[in-house]
Amino acid sequence: MVRLAVIAVAWLMMSLVPAQAAKDPTAPLGRQAPAVKPSPSRARLPQLQGIFCDQDGQACRAVLNSVSVGTGGRISGYTLSQVTDDYVILQRGGRQWRLDMFADNVKSE
């Protein structure tokens, strides 16, 4: 009978070991991990992939993130305020960005 009780206690202790191993043994008793706060996401500046205009050069459209957008159109939270044959102007929150078709740098105005 004592032998059976020892085996039962040993079996219970072995079943609790994985739960104990999952906890941090150096953490204070009763400590809970802090809640993870979601970081605010910032909209990425759209990528200018192309500009096409009619023969007069008056009506131009831009290809941003694989989407054709005209003047006044919106993409990824940005408004396309101006399109020329070699650059576009995007606006968001009172700021402007100039994306040149063949430039390495983005200029904030």
N, C-alpha and C. Protein backbone atom coordinates (compact mmCIF):
# COMPACT_ATOMS: atom_id res chain seq x y z
N MET A 1 0.82 -1.19 0.00
CA MET A 1 0.00 0.00 0.00
C MET A 1 0.87 1.26 0.00
N VAL A 2 1.89 1.27 0.82
CA VAL A 2 2.80 2.41 0.87
C VAL A 2 3.51 2.55 -0.48
N ARG A 3 3.83 1.43 -1.06
CA ARG A 3 4.49 1.42 -2.34
C ARG A 3 3.60 2.07 -3.42
N LEU A 4 2.32 1.75 -3.40
CA LEU A 4 1.37 2.32 -4.35
C LEU A 4 1.23 3.84 -4.13
N ALA A 5 1.23 4.30 -2.90
CA ALA A 5 1.14 5.72 -2.59
C ALA A 5 2.38 6.47 -3.07
N VAL A 6 3.56 5.87 -2.92
CA VAL A 6 4.81 6.49 -3.37
C VAL A 6 4.80 6.61 -4.89
N ILE A 7 4.32 5.59 -5.57
CA ILE A 7 4.26 5.62 -7.03
C ILE A 7 3.27 6.70 -7.49
N ALA A 8 2.13 6.82 -6.83
CA ALA A 8 1.14 7.82 -7.19
C ALA A 8 1.69 9.24 -7.00
N VAL A 9 2.37 9.47 -5.89
CA VAL A 9 2.95 10.80 -5.62
C VAL A 9 4.05 11.10 -6.65
N ALA A 10 4.87 10.11 -6.97
CA ALA A 10 5.93 10.31 -7.97
C ALA A 10 5.32 10.64 -9.34
N TRP A 11 4.24 9.94 -9.69
CA TRP A 11 3.59 10.19 -10.97
C TRP A 11 2.99 11.61 -11.02
N LEU A 12 2.38 12.06 -9.93
CA LEU A 12 1.84 13.43 -9.87
C LEU A 12 2.94 14.47 -9.98
N MET A 13 4.04 14.24 -9.33
CA MET A 13 5.15 15.21 -9.38
C MET A 13 5.74 15.28 -10.78
N MET A 14 5.82 14.14 -11.46
CA MET A 14 6.37 14.12 -12.81
C MET A 14 5.43 14.82 -13.80
N SER A 15 4.14 14.74 -13.56
CA SER A 15 3.20 15.40 -14.46
C SER A 15 3.22 16.92 -14.28
N LEU A 16 3.66 17.42 -13.14
CA LEU A 16 3.74 18.85 -12.88
C LEU A 16 5.05 19.47 -13.36
N VAL A 17 6.05 18.67 -13.62
CA VAL A 17 7.37 19.19 -14.00
C VAL A 17 7.32 20.03 -15.27
N PRO A 18 6.66 19.62 -16.38
CA PRO A 18 6.65 20.49 -17.56
C PRO A 18 6.02 21.85 -17.30
N ALA A 19 5.01 21.94 -16.47
CA ALA A 19 4.38 23.23 -16.16
C ALA A 19 5.35 24.11 -15.38
N GLN A 20 6.11 23.55 -14.49
CA GLN A 20 7.09 24.32 -13.73
C GLN A 20 8.25 24.76 -14.62
N ALA A 21 8.65 23.92 -15.56
CA ALA A 21 9.77 24.25 -16.43
C ALA A 21 9.42 25.41 -17.37
N ALA A 22 8.16 25.60 -17.69
CA ALA A 22 7.76 26.66 -18.60
C ALA A 22 7.87 28.04 -17.95
N LYS A 23 7.86 28.13 -16.64
CA LYS A 23 7.96 29.40 -15.94
C LYS A 23 9.41 29.79 -15.75
N ASP A 24 9.64 31.07 -15.56
CA ASP A 24 10.98 31.57 -15.28
C ASP A 24 11.31 31.29 -13.82
N PRO A 25 12.30 30.45 -13.55
CA PRO A 25 12.60 30.10 -12.16
C PRO A 25 13.19 31.26 -11.36
N THR A 26 13.67 32.30 -12.04
CA THR A 26 14.28 33.42 -11.32
C THR A 26 13.30 34.56 -11.07
N ALA A 27 12.08 34.47 -11.60
CA ALA A 27 11.08 35.53 -11.43
C ALA A 27 10.52 35.50 -10.01
N PRO A 28 10.18 36.65 -9.45
CA PRO A 28 9.56 36.69 -8.13
C PRO A 28 8.22 35.96 -8.14
N LEU A 29 7.83 35.45 -6.99
CA LEU A 29 6.57 34.74 -6.89
C LEU A 29 5.39 35.66 -7.19
N GLY A 30 4.44 35.17 -7.94
CA GLY A 30 3.24 35.93 -8.25
C GLY A 30 3.42 36.97 -9.34
N ARG A 31 4.60 37.05 -9.93
CA ARG A 31 4.84 38.05 -10.98
C ARG A 31 4.19 37.61 -12.28
N GLN A 32 3.56 38.58 -12.97
CA GLN A 32 2.98 38.31 -14.28
C GLN A 32 3.75 39.11 -15.32
N ALA A 33 3.88 38.55 -16.48
CA ALA A 33 4.58 39.24 -17.56
C ALA A 33 3.81 40.49 -17.95
N PRO A 34 4.51 41.59 -18.26
CA PRO A 34 3.80 42.81 -18.66
C PRO A 34 3.10 42.61 -19.99
N ALA A 35 1.98 43.30 -20.13
CA ALA A 35 1.22 43.22 -21.37
C ALA A 35 2.01 43.92 -22.48
N VAL A 36 1.98 43.36 -23.65
CA VAL A 36 2.69 43.93 -24.79
C VAL A 36 1.79 44.99 -25.42
N LYS A 37 2.30 46.22 -25.50
CA LYS A 37 1.55 47.31 -26.10
C LYS A 37 1.80 47.30 -27.60
N PRO A 38 0.75 47.40 -28.39
CA PRO A 38 0.97 47.46 -29.84
C PRO A 38 1.60 48.80 -30.22
N SER A 39 2.63 48.73 -31.04
CA SER A 39 3.29 49.96 -31.47
C SER A 39 2.44 50.62 -32.55
N PRO A 40 2.40 51.94 -32.53
CA PRO A 40 1.59 52.62 -33.55
C PRO A 40 2.20 52.38 -34.92
N SER A 41 1.36 52.05 -35.87
CA SER A 41 1.88 51.78 -37.21
C SER A 41 1.94 53.08 -38.00
N ARG A 42 3.01 53.22 -38.73
CA ARG A 42 3.18 54.39 -39.57
C ARG A 42 3.01 53.95 -41.01
N ALA A 43 2.28 54.73 -41.76
CA ALA A 43 2.08 54.40 -43.17
C ALA A 43 3.38 54.64 -43.91
N ARG A 44 3.77 53.67 -44.69
CA ARG A 44 4.98 53.80 -45.49
C ARG A 44 4.68 54.66 -46.71
N LEU A 45 5.67 55.42 -47.11
CA LEU A 45 5.55 56.26 -48.28
C LEU A 45 5.39 55.35 -49.50
N PRO A 46 4.38 55.60 -50.34
CA PRO A 46 4.20 54.76 -51.52
C PRO A 46 5.41 54.83 -52.45
N GLN A 47 5.63 53.76 -53.18
CA GLN A 47 6.74 53.71 -54.11
C GLN A 47 6.26 54.16 -55.50
N LEU A 48 6.96 55.13 -56.06
CA LEU A 48 6.63 55.62 -57.39
C LEU A 48 7.24 54.66 -58.41
N GLN A 49 6.38 54.07 -59.22
CA GLN A 49 6.84 53.09 -60.19
C GLN A 49 6.74 53.57 -61.63
N GLY A 50 5.96 54.61 -61.87
CA GLY A 50 5.85 55.12 -63.22
C GLY A 50 4.95 56.33 -63.30
N ILE A 51 5.14 57.11 -64.37
CA ILE A 51 4.31 58.28 -64.65
C ILE A 51 3.98 58.22 -66.14
N PHE A 52 2.71 58.39 -66.47
CA PHE A 52 2.35 58.47 -67.87
C PHE A 52 1.40 59.63 -68.08
N CYS A 53 1.62 60.32 -69.20
CA CYS A 53 0.84 61.52 -69.52
C CYS A 53 0.27 61.38 -70.92
N ASP A 54 -0.77 62.19 -71.22
CA ASP A 54 -1.29 62.21 -72.59
C ASP A 54 -0.30 62.97 -73.48
N GLN A 55 -0.60 63.06 -74.75
CA GLN A 55 0.34 63.68 -75.69
C GLN A 55 0.58 65.16 -75.40
N ASP A 56 -0.40 65.83 -74.84
CA ASP A 56 -0.23 67.24 -74.51
C ASP A 56 0.58 67.44 -73.23
N GLY A 57 0.69 66.40 -72.43
CA GLY A 57 1.39 66.51 -71.15
C GLY A 57 0.53 67.15 -70.08
N GLN A 58 -0.76 67.28 -70.35
CA GLN A 58 -1.66 67.94 -69.40
C GLN A 58 -2.24 66.96 -68.38
N ALA A 59 -2.76 65.85 -68.83
CA ALA A 59 -3.40 64.87 -67.94
C ALA A 59 -2.39 63.75 -67.64
N CYS A 60 -1.80 63.81 -66.48
CA CYS A 60 -0.81 62.80 -66.09
C CYS A 60 -1.35 61.95 -64.94
N ARG A 61 -0.92 60.70 -64.94
CA ARG A 61 -1.26 59.77 -63.86
C ARG A 61 0.03 59.13 -63.38
N ALA A 62 0.03 58.71 -62.12
CA ALA A 62 1.20 58.05 -61.55
C ALA A 62 0.85 56.62 -61.15
N VAL A 63 1.82 55.76 -61.24
CA VAL A 63 1.67 54.39 -60.77
C VAL A 63 2.41 54.31 -59.44
N LEU A 64 1.64 54.18 -58.36
CA LEU A 64 2.18 54.09 -57.00
C LEU A 64 1.75 52.77 -56.40
N ASN A 65 2.70 51.99 -55.93
CA ASN A 65 2.41 50.67 -55.36
C ASN A 65 1.54 49.83 -56.30
N SER A 66 1.87 49.86 -57.57
CA SER A 66 1.19 49.08 -58.62
C SER A 66 -0.26 49.51 -58.85
N VAL A 67 -0.62 50.73 -58.46
CA VAL A 67 -1.97 51.26 -58.66
C VAL A 67 -1.87 52.58 -59.40
N SER A 68 -2.66 52.73 -60.46
CA SER A 68 -2.70 53.99 -61.21
C SER A 68 -3.54 55.00 -60.44
N VAL A 69 -2.95 56.17 -60.17
CA VAL A 69 -3.61 57.20 -59.37
C VAL A 69 -3.50 58.54 -60.10
N GLY A 70 -4.61 59.26 -60.16
CA GLY A 70 -4.62 60.59 -60.75
C GLY A 70 -4.53 61.66 -59.68
N THR A 71 -4.41 62.90 -60.12
CA THR A 71 -4.35 64.03 -59.18
C THR A 71 -5.59 64.04 -58.30
N GLY A 72 -5.38 64.17 -56.99
CA GLY A 72 -6.47 64.15 -56.02
C GLY A 72 -6.79 62.76 -55.50
N GLY A 73 -6.20 61.75 -56.11
CA GLY A 73 -6.44 60.37 -55.66
C GLY A 73 -5.68 60.07 -54.37
N ARG A 74 -6.14 59.03 -53.69
CA ARG A 74 -5.52 58.65 -52.42
C ARG A 74 -4.94 57.25 -52.52
N ILE A 75 -3.78 57.08 -51.86
CA ILE A 75 -3.16 55.76 -51.78
C ILE A 75 -2.38 55.67 -50.47
N SER A 76 -2.66 54.62 -49.71
CA SER A 76 -2.00 54.36 -48.42
C SER A 76 -2.06 55.56 -47.48
N GLY A 77 -3.15 56.31 -47.50
CA GLY A 77 -3.32 57.44 -46.60
C GLY A 77 -2.71 58.74 -47.12
N TYR A 78 -2.09 58.71 -48.29
CA TYR A 78 -1.49 59.89 -48.89
C TYR A 78 -2.38 60.38 -50.03
N THR A 79 -2.39 61.70 -50.26
CA THR A 79 -3.14 62.29 -51.36
C THR A 79 -2.16 62.75 -52.42
N LEU A 80 -2.42 62.36 -53.65
CA LEU A 80 -1.58 62.78 -54.77
C LEU A 80 -2.03 64.18 -55.18
N SER A 81 -1.22 65.19 -54.88
CA SER A 81 -1.64 66.57 -55.14
C SER A 81 -1.14 67.11 -56.46
N GLN A 82 -0.04 66.57 -56.99
CA GLN A 82 0.48 67.07 -58.26
C GLN A 82 1.21 65.95 -58.98
N VAL A 83 1.03 65.90 -60.30
CA VAL A 83 1.73 64.92 -61.13
C VAL A 83 2.33 65.66 -62.32
N THR A 84 3.63 65.56 -62.50
CA THR A 84 4.28 66.10 -63.69
C THR A 84 4.91 64.94 -64.44
N ASP A 85 5.59 65.24 -65.52
CA ASP A 85 6.16 64.16 -66.32
C ASP A 85 7.40 63.51 -65.67
N ASP A 86 7.97 64.12 -64.60
CA ASP A 86 9.14 63.49 -63.99
C ASP A 86 9.10 63.43 -62.45
N TYR A 87 8.06 63.95 -61.82
CA TYR A 87 7.93 63.81 -60.36
C TYR A 87 6.46 63.93 -59.95
N VAL A 88 6.18 63.51 -58.70
CA VAL A 88 4.84 63.65 -58.12
C VAL A 88 4.99 64.27 -56.74
N ILE A 89 3.92 64.90 -56.27
CA ILE A 89 3.87 65.47 -54.92
C ILE A 89 2.77 64.74 -54.16
N LEU A 90 3.13 64.18 -53.00
CA LEU A 90 2.17 63.52 -52.12
C LEU A 90 1.99 64.37 -50.87
N GLN A 91 0.77 64.39 -50.31
CA GLN A 91 0.50 65.13 -49.08
C GLN A 91 -0.14 64.21 -48.06
N ARG A 92 0.18 64.50 -46.81
CA ARG A 92 -0.46 63.79 -45.70
C ARG A 92 -0.20 64.59 -44.42
N GLY A 93 -1.26 64.90 -43.70
CA GLY A 93 -1.14 65.58 -42.41
C GLY A 93 -0.40 66.90 -42.48
N GLY A 94 -0.60 67.68 -43.53
CA GLY A 94 0.06 68.97 -43.63
C GLY A 94 1.49 68.92 -44.14
N ARG A 95 2.00 67.73 -44.43
CA ARG A 95 3.36 67.59 -44.96
C ARG A 95 3.29 67.18 -46.42
N GLN A 96 4.36 67.47 -47.14
CA GLN A 96 4.44 67.12 -48.55
C GLN A 96 5.71 66.33 -48.82
N TRP A 97 5.63 65.40 -49.77
CA TRP A 97 6.78 64.63 -50.22
C TRP A 97 6.84 64.71 -51.73
N ARG A 98 8.02 64.93 -52.24
CA ARG A 98 8.24 64.94 -53.70
C ARG A 98 8.97 63.65 -54.05
N LEU A 99 8.35 62.86 -54.92
CA LEU A 99 8.95 61.62 -55.38
C LEU A 99 9.37 61.83 -56.82
N ASP A 100 10.66 61.80 -57.08
CA ASP A 100 11.17 61.94 -58.44
C ASP A 100 11.21 60.58 -59.11
N MET A 101 10.95 60.57 -60.40
CA MET A 101 10.90 59.31 -61.13
C MET A 101 12.26 58.65 -61.20
N PHE A 102 13.30 59.41 -61.39
CA PHE A 102 14.63 58.83 -61.55
C PHE A 102 15.61 59.32 -60.49
N ALA A 103 15.15 59.50 -59.27
CA ALA A 103 16.03 59.98 -58.20
C ALA A 103 16.21 58.88 -57.14
N ASP A 104 17.33 58.95 -56.44
CA ASP A 104 17.59 58.02 -55.36
C ASP A 104 17.04 58.52 -54.04
N ASN A 105 16.83 59.81 -53.92
CA ASN A 105 16.40 60.40 -52.65
C ASN A 105 14.98 60.91 -52.74
N VAL A 106 14.27 60.82 -51.60
CA VAL A 106 12.94 61.39 -51.46
C VAL A 106 13.11 62.72 -50.75
N LYS A 107 12.53 63.77 -51.30
CA LYS A 107 12.69 65.11 -50.72
C LYS A 107 11.42 65.49 -49.99
N SER A 108 11.54 65.85 -48.72
CA SER A 108 10.41 66.32 -47.94
C SER A 108 10.38 67.84 -48.05
N GLU A 109 9.24 68.37 -48.41
CA GLU A 109 9.13 69.84 -48.60
C GLU A 109 8.35 70.46 -47.48
